[in-house]
Amino acid sequence: MAEDSVEKPQEVSQEVPKESTEEKPKGPLELVVRNTNGTFSTRLKDPKTGHFMKKDRPLPSAKELVRAGRQLLTSAEAGPDGKLIKGSKTRHRKIFDNLVRIATLEPDDPKALMAIIKAAELLYLRFYGKPSASDEEIEALKVHGVKVVIVQAPELQNKEVVEEKPKEILKPSFVDAEFTTNPQV
């Protein structure tokens, strides 16, 4: 048989495909994706890894947070159907009623007593405001820095200076021995 009649398996080429000449984008790709419910949304995709990324969400401003918090506290709670329940109290009123209830309890538990004190403190701070500062605190706020205080030595009755006598070495009465001190120490 001739060598050309024998079929040889085709060799698989081990060549690495050449990279495309198109430059890959450096930043994330923004893709429009269809959700399972049929709506469309935009997603970010990392071109290096091919994974979807989270979008950076800017933090809301302090004014927006305060506004949202006030709306939440001044609105009444909604029922299971999402409509406001007629005659329901606002969240602010419910919190206030709970604080009053806690502040007027008479338990023996130390933790409950601390909660009562804190609730009463919040109520008084809310309705009476911050206690006014004393005169010393106001003066301290005006100075803003180091305050120099000069302390003079008091007048002594006997102005004569007496030197301290060296202490005697005490020896017990039951010991018959001589005691010496080490002058080098």
C-alpha atoms as a PDB file:
ATOM      1  CA  MET A   1       0.000   0.000   0.000  1.00  0.00           C
ATOM      2  CA  ALA A   2       1.084   3.429  -0.708  1.00  0.00           C
ATOM      3  CA  GLU A   3       1.642   5.844   2.054  1.00  0.00           C
ATOM      4  CA  ASP A   4      -0.779   8.381   0.633  1.00  0.00           C
ATOM      5  CA  SER A   5      -3.695   5.982   0.763  1.00  0.00           C
ATOM      6  CA  VAL A   6      -3.505   5.636   4.560  1.00  0.00           C
ATOM      7  CA  GLU A   7      -5.614   8.253   6.229  1.00  0.00           C
ATOM      8  CA  LYS A   8      -3.820  10.123   8.925  1.00  0.00           C
ATOM      9  CA  PRO A   9      -5.686  12.004  11.660  1.00  0.00           C
ATOM     10  CA  GLN A  10      -5.642  15.688  11.071  1.00  0.00           C
ATOM     11  CA  GLU A  11      -3.382  17.604  13.376  1.00  0.00           C
ATOM     12  CA  VAL A  12      -4.980  20.216  15.573  1.00  0.00           C
ATOM     13  CA  SER A  13      -3.174  23.473  15.239  1.00  0.00           C
ATOM     14  CA  GLN A  14      -1.813  24.821  18.522  1.00  0.00           C
ATOM     15  CA  GLU A  15      -1.587  28.356  17.259  1.00  0.00           C
ATOM     16  CA  VAL A  16      -2.756  31.061  19.624  1.00  0.00           C
ATOM     17  CA  PRO A  17      -5.280  33.334  17.964  1.00  0.00           C
ATOM     18  CA  LYS A  18      -3.928  36.781  17.393  1.00  0.00           C
ATOM     19  CA  GLU A  19      -5.411  39.548  19.486  1.00  0.00           C
ATOM     20  CA  SER A  20      -7.673  41.856  17.645  1.00  0.00           C
ATOM     21  CA  THR A  21      -6.299  45.182  16.698  1.00  0.00           C
ATOM     22  CA  GLU A  22      -9.250  46.899  18.377  1.00  0.00           C
ATOM     23  CA  GLU A  23      -8.374  48.559  21.664  1.00  0.00           C
ATOM     24  CA  LYS A  24     -10.289  47.399  24.716  1.00  0.00           C
ATOM     25  CA  PRO A  25     -12.014  50.166  26.635  1.00  0.00           C
ATOM     26  CA  LYS A  26     -10.262  51.127  29.849  1.00  0.00           C
ATOM     27  CA  GLY A  27     -13.410  51.883  31.815  1.00  0.00           C
ATOM     28  CA  PRO A  28     -16.476  49.754  32.479  1.00  0.00           C
ATOM     29  CA  LEU A  29     -18.930  49.065  29.689  1.00  0.00           C
ATOM     30  CA  GLU A  30     -22.513  50.195  30.112  1.00  0.00           C
ATOM     31  CA  LEU A  31     -24.927  47.594  28.769  1.00  0.00           C
ATOM     32  CA  VAL A  32     -28.700  47.633  28.439  1.00  0.00           C
ATOM     33  CA  VAL A  33     -30.053  44.341  29.814  1.00  0.00           C
ATOM     34  CA  ARG A  34     -33.574  42.916  29.717  1.00  0.00           C
ATOM     35  CA  ASN A  35     -34.802  41.867  33.159  1.00  0.00           C
ATOM     36  CA  THR A  36     -36.895  38.759  33.827  1.00  0.00           C
ATOM     37  CA  ASN A  37     -40.060  40.858  34.046  1.00  0.00           C
ATOM     38  CA  GLY A  38     -39.428  42.309  30.568  1.00  0.00           C
ATOM     39  CA  THR A  39     -38.185  45.752  31.580  1.00  0.00           C
ATOM     40  CA  PHE A  40     -34.804  47.128  30.586  1.00  0.00           C
ATOM     41  CA  SER A  41     -32.049  48.363  32.903  1.00  0.00           C
ATOM     42  CA  THR A  42     -28.474  49.480  32.469  1.00  0.00           C
ATOM     43  CA  ARG A  43     -25.631  47.462  33.986  1.00  0.00           C
ATOM     44  CA  LEU A  44     -21.889  48.028  34.178  1.00  0.00           C
ATOM     45  CA  LYS A  45     -19.535  45.308  32.961  1.00  0.00           C
ATOM     46  CA  ASP A  46     -15.800  45.115  33.621  1.00  0.00           C
ATOM     47  CA  PRO A  47     -14.030  44.589  30.246  1.00  0.00           C
ATOM     48  CA  LYS A  48     -11.037  42.816  31.835  1.00  0.00           C
ATOM     49  CA  THR A  49     -12.889  40.168  33.832  1.00  0.00           C
ATOM     50  CA  GLY A  50     -16.238  40.139  32.042  1.00  0.00           C
ATOM     51  CA  HIS A  51     -18.131  40.325  35.348  1.00  0.00           C
ATOM     52  CA  PHE A  52     -20.943  42.726  36.103  1.00  0.00           C
ATOM     53  CA  MET A  53     -20.071  45.519  38.524  1.00  0.00           C
ATOM     54  CA  LYS A  54     -22.001  47.503  41.095  1.00  0.00           C
ATOM     55  CA  LYS A  55     -22.912  51.050  40.240  1.00  0.00           C
ATOM     56  CA  ASP A  56     -21.536  53.773  42.468  1.00  0.00           C
ATOM     57  CA  ARG A  57     -24.381  55.413  44.283  1.00  0.00           C
ATOM     58  CA  PRO A  58     -23.719  58.889  45.609  1.00  0.00           C
ATOM     59  CA  LEU A  59     -24.554  59.506  49.259  1.00  0.00           C
ATOM     60  CA  PRO A  60     -27.602  61.672  49.798  1.00  0.00           C
ATOM     61  CA  SER A  61     -27.009  65.136  51.184  1.00  0.00           C
ATOM     62  CA  ALA A  62     -27.713  65.965  54.818  1.00  0.00           C
ATOM     63  CA  LYS A  63     -30.767  68.018  53.833  1.00  0.00           C
ATOM     64  CA  GLU A  64     -32.239  65.077  51.914  1.00  0.00           C
ATOM     65  CA  LEU A  65     -31.665  62.761  54.891  1.00  0.00           C
ATOM     66  CA  VAL A  66     -33.334  65.186  57.296  1.00  0.00           C
ATOM     67  CA  ARG A  67     -36.252  65.698  54.920  1.00  0.00           C
ATOM     68  CA  ALA A  68     -36.737  61.941  54.464  1.00  0.00           C
ATOM     69  CA  GLY A  69     -36.514  61.350  58.222  1.00  0.00           C
ATOM     70  CA  ARG A  70     -39.072  64.056  58.981  1.00  0.00           C
ATOM     71  CA  GLN A  71     -41.447  62.700  56.339  1.00  0.00           C
ATOM     72  CA  LEU A  72     -41.105  59.228  57.824  1.00  0.00           C
ATOM     73  CA  LEU A  73     -41.757  60.420  61.389  1.00  0.00           C
ATOM     74  CA  THR A  74     -44.683  62.687  60.516  1.00  0.00           C
ATOM     75  CA  SER A  75     -46.499  60.137  58.351  1.00  0.00           C
ATOM     76  CA  ALA A  76     -48.925  57.579  59.725  1.00  0.00           C
ATOM     77  CA  GLU A  77     -48.290  53.890  59.236  1.00  0.00           C
ATOM     78  CA  ALA A  78     -49.972  52.232  56.291  1.00  0.00           C
ATOM     79  CA  GLY A  79     -52.083  49.116  56.476  1.00  0.00           C
ATOM     80  CA  PRO A  80     -51.424  45.864  54.591  1.00  0.00           C
ATOM     81  CA  ASP A  81     -53.117  47.247  51.488  1.00  0.00           C
ATOM     82  CA  GLY A  82     -50.751  50.267  51.470  1.00  0.00           C
ATOM     83  CA  LYS A  83     -53.431  52.819  52.365  1.00  0.00           C
ATOM     84  CA  LEU A  84     -53.310  54.946  55.483  1.00  0.00           C
ATOM     85  CA  ILE A  85     -55.427  53.689  58.336  1.00  0.00           C
ATOM     86  CA  LYS A  86     -57.993  56.261  59.392  1.00  0.00           C
ATOM     87  CA  GLY A  87     -57.334  57.576  62.899  1.00  0.00           C
ATOM     88  CA  SER A  88     -53.883  55.987  63.140  1.00  0.00           C
ATOM     89  CA  LYS A  89     -51.168  57.864  64.996  1.00  0.00           C
ATOM     90  CA  THR A  90     -48.065  59.196  63.343  1.00  0.00           C
ATOM     91  CA  ARG A  91     -44.788  57.456  64.053  1.00  0.00           C
ATOM     92  CA  HIS A  92     -43.637  60.526  65.962  1.00  0.00           C
ATOM     93  CA  ARG A  93     -46.677  60.319  68.260  1.00  0.00           C
ATOM     94  CA  LYS A  94     -46.150  56.571  68.816  1.00  0.00           C
ATOM     95  CA  ILE A  95     -42.505  57.172  69.790  1.00  0.00           C
ATOM     96  CA  PHE A  96     -43.549  59.962  72.134  1.00  0.00           C
ATOM     97  CA  ASP A  97     -46.221  57.773  73.772  1.00  0.00           C
ATOM     98  CA  ASN A  98     -43.702  54.974  74.256  1.00  0.00           C
ATOM     99  CA  LEU A  99     -41.186  57.381  75.831  1.00  0.00           C
ATOM    100  CA  VAL A 100     -43.852  58.643  78.242  1.00  0.00           C
ATOM    101  CA  ARG A 101     -44.874  55.078  79.090  1.00  0.00           C
ATOM    102  CA  ILE A 102     -41.254  54.051  79.738  1.00  0.00           C
ATOM    103  CA  ALA A 103     -40.524  57.184  81.756  1.00  0.00           C
ATOM    104  CA  THR A 104     -43.479  56.556  84.067  1.00  0.00           C
ATOM    105  CA  LEU A 105     -42.760  52.876  84.826  1.00  0.00           C
ATOM    106  CA  GLU A 106     -41.705  51.758  88.310  1.00  0.00           C
ATOM    107  CA  PRO A 107     -39.606  48.591  87.849  1.00  0.00           C
ATOM    108  CA  ASP A 108     -36.854  47.157  90.074  1.00  0.00           C
ATOM    109  CA  ASP A 109     -34.544  46.057  87.261  1.00  0.00           C
ATOM    110  CA  PRO A 110     -31.436  48.329  86.997  1.00  0.00           C
ATOM    111  CA  LYS A 111     -31.414  48.154  83.183  1.00  0.00           C
ATOM    112  CA  ALA A 112     -35.048  49.214  83.044  1.00  0.00           C
ATOM    113  CA  LEU A 113     -34.305  52.065  85.429  1.00  0.00           C
ATOM    114  CA  MET A 114     -31.520  53.276  83.113  1.00  0.00           C
ATOM    115  CA  ALA A 115     -33.973  53.149  80.206  1.00  0.00           C
ATOM    116  CA  ILE A 116     -36.460  55.197  82.243  1.00  0.00           C
ATOM    117  CA  ILE A 117     -33.832  57.830  83.024  1.00  0.00           C
ATOM    118  CA  LYS A 118     -32.770  58.054  79.375  1.00  0.00           C
ATOM    119  CA  ALA A 119     -36.391  58.336  78.190  1.00  0.00           C
ATOM    120  CA  ALA A 120     -37.116  61.091  80.712  1.00  0.00           C
ATOM    121  CA  GLU A 121     -33.917  62.876  79.675  1.00  0.00           C
ATOM    122  CA  LEU A 122     -35.018  62.773  76.030  1.00  0.00           C
ATOM    123  CA  LEU A 123     -38.471  64.097  76.893  1.00  0.00           C
ATOM    124  CA  TYR A 124     -37.149  66.978  78.958  1.00  0.00           C
ATOM    125  CA  LEU A 125     -34.518  67.820  76.376  1.00  0.00           C
ATOM    126  CA  ARG A 126     -37.163  67.794  73.639  1.00  0.00           C
ATOM    127  CA  PHE A 127     -39.694  69.978  75.407  1.00  0.00           C
ATOM    128  CA  TYR A 128     -37.603  72.155  77.697  1.00  0.00           C
ATOM    129  CA  GLY A 129     -34.493  72.401  75.550  1.00  0.00           C
ATOM    130  CA  LYS A 130     -30.874  72.273  76.607  1.00  0.00           C
ATOM    131  CA  PRO A 131     -30.302  73.610  80.136  1.00  0.00           C
ATOM    132  CA  SER A 132     -28.768  77.065  80.165  1.00  0.00           C
ATOM    133  CA  ALA A 133     -25.063  77.274  80.873  1.00  0.00           C
ATOM    134  CA  SER A 134     -23.831  78.565  84.214  1.00  0.00           C
ATOM    135  CA  ASP A 135     -21.827  81.783  84.536  1.00  0.00           C
ATOM    136  CA  GLU A 136     -18.568  79.832  84.980  1.00  0.00           C
ATOM    137  CA  GLU A 137     -19.182  77.867  81.770  1.00  0.00           C
ATOM    138  CA  ILE A 138     -19.917  81.073  79.848  1.00  0.00           C
ATOM    139  CA  GLU A 139     -16.702  82.670  81.148  1.00  0.00           C
ATOM    140  CA  ALA A 140     -14.741  79.529  80.235  1.00  0.00           C
ATOM    141  CA  LEU A 141     -16.098  79.720  76.698  1.00  0.00           C
ATOM    142  CA  LYS A 142     -14.984  83.355  76.403  1.00  0.00           C
ATOM    143  CA  VAL A 143     -11.376  82.669  77.445  1.00  0.00           C
ATOM    144  CA  HIS A 144     -10.609  79.845  74.954  1.00  0.00           C
ATOM    145  CA  GLY A 145      -7.143  78.907  76.042  1.00  0.00           C
ATOM    146  CA  VAL A 146      -4.800  78.567  78.931  1.00  0.00           C
ATOM    147  CA  LYS A 147      -5.746  80.342  82.106  1.00  0.00           C
ATOM    148  CA  VAL A 148      -2.822  81.359  84.335  1.00  0.00           C
ATOM    149  CA  VAL A 149      -3.423  81.083  88.061  1.00  0.00           C
ATOM    150  CA  ILE A 150      -0.807  82.413  90.506  1.00  0.00           C
ATOM    151  CA  VAL A 151      -0.805  80.735  93.901  1.00  0.00           C
ATOM    152  CA  GLN A 152       1.140  82.517  96.625  1.00  0.00           C
ATOM    153  CA  ALA A 153       2.692  80.692  99.544  1.00  0.00           C
ATOM    154  CA  PRO A 154       0.636  81.054 102.728  1.00  0.00           C
ATOM    155  CA  GLU A 155       1.940  83.041 105.739  1.00  0.00           C
ATOM    156  CA  LEU A 156       3.449  80.697 108.311  1.00  0.00           C
ATOM    157  CA  GLN A 157       3.154  81.278 112.062  1.00  0.00           C
ATOM    158  CA  ASN A 158       6.659  80.058 112.855  1.00  0.00           C
ATOM    159  CA  LYS A 159       9.057  81.240 110.127  1.00  0.00           C
ATOM    160  CA  GLU A 160      12.013  79.367 111.640  1.00  0.00           C
ATOM    161  CA  VAL A 161      13.147  76.470 109.437  1.00  0.00           C
ATOM    162  CA  VAL A 162      13.902  73.272 111.347  1.00  0.00           C
ATOM    163  CA  GLU A 163      16.120  70.604 109.789  1.00  0.00           C
ATOM    164  CA  GLU A 164      14.985  67.032 109.933  1.00  0.00           C
ATOM    165  CA  LYS A 165      16.782  64.874 112.462  1.00  0.00           C
ATOM    166  CA  PRO A 166      18.259  61.598 111.280  1.00  0.00           C
ATOM    167  CA  LYS A 167      16.086  58.674 112.189  1.00  0.00           C
ATOM    168  CA  GLU A 168      17.245  56.436 115.000  1.00  0.00           C
ATOM    169  CA  ILE A 169      17.646  52.792 114.292  1.00  0.00           C
ATOM    170  CA  LEU A 170      15.189  50.948 116.433  1.00  0.00           C
ATOM    171  CA  LYS A 171      16.234  47.644 117.876  1.00  0.00           C
ATOM    172  CA  PRO A 172      13.966  45.146 119.517  1.00  0.00           C
ATOM    173  CA  SER A 173      14.368  44.577 123.260  1.00  0.00           C
ATOM    174  CA  PHE A 174      14.753  40.790 122.947  1.00  0.00           C
ATOM    175  CA  VAL A 175      17.811  41.060 120.690  1.00  0.00           C
ATOM    176  CA  ASP A 176      21.221  41.589 122.236  1.00  0.00           C
ATOM    177  CA  ALA A 177      23.219  42.708 119.191  1.00  0.00           C
ATOM    178  CA  GLU A 178      24.786  45.733 117.627  1.00  0.00           C
ATOM    179  CA  PHE A 179      23.220  47.332 114.572  1.00  0.00           C
ATOM    180  CA  THR A 180      25.282  49.254 112.057  1.00  0.00           C
ATOM    181  CA  THR A 181      24.213  51.120 109.027  1.00  0.00           C
ATOM    182  CA  ASN A 182      25.895  50.933 105.676  1.00  0.00           C
ATOM    183  CA  PRO A 183      26.991  54.478 104.818  1.00  0.00           C
ATOM    184  CA  GLN A 184      27.548  53.549 101.156  1.00  0.00           C
ATOM    185  CA  VAL A 185      23.884  52.942 100.475  1.00  0.00           C
END
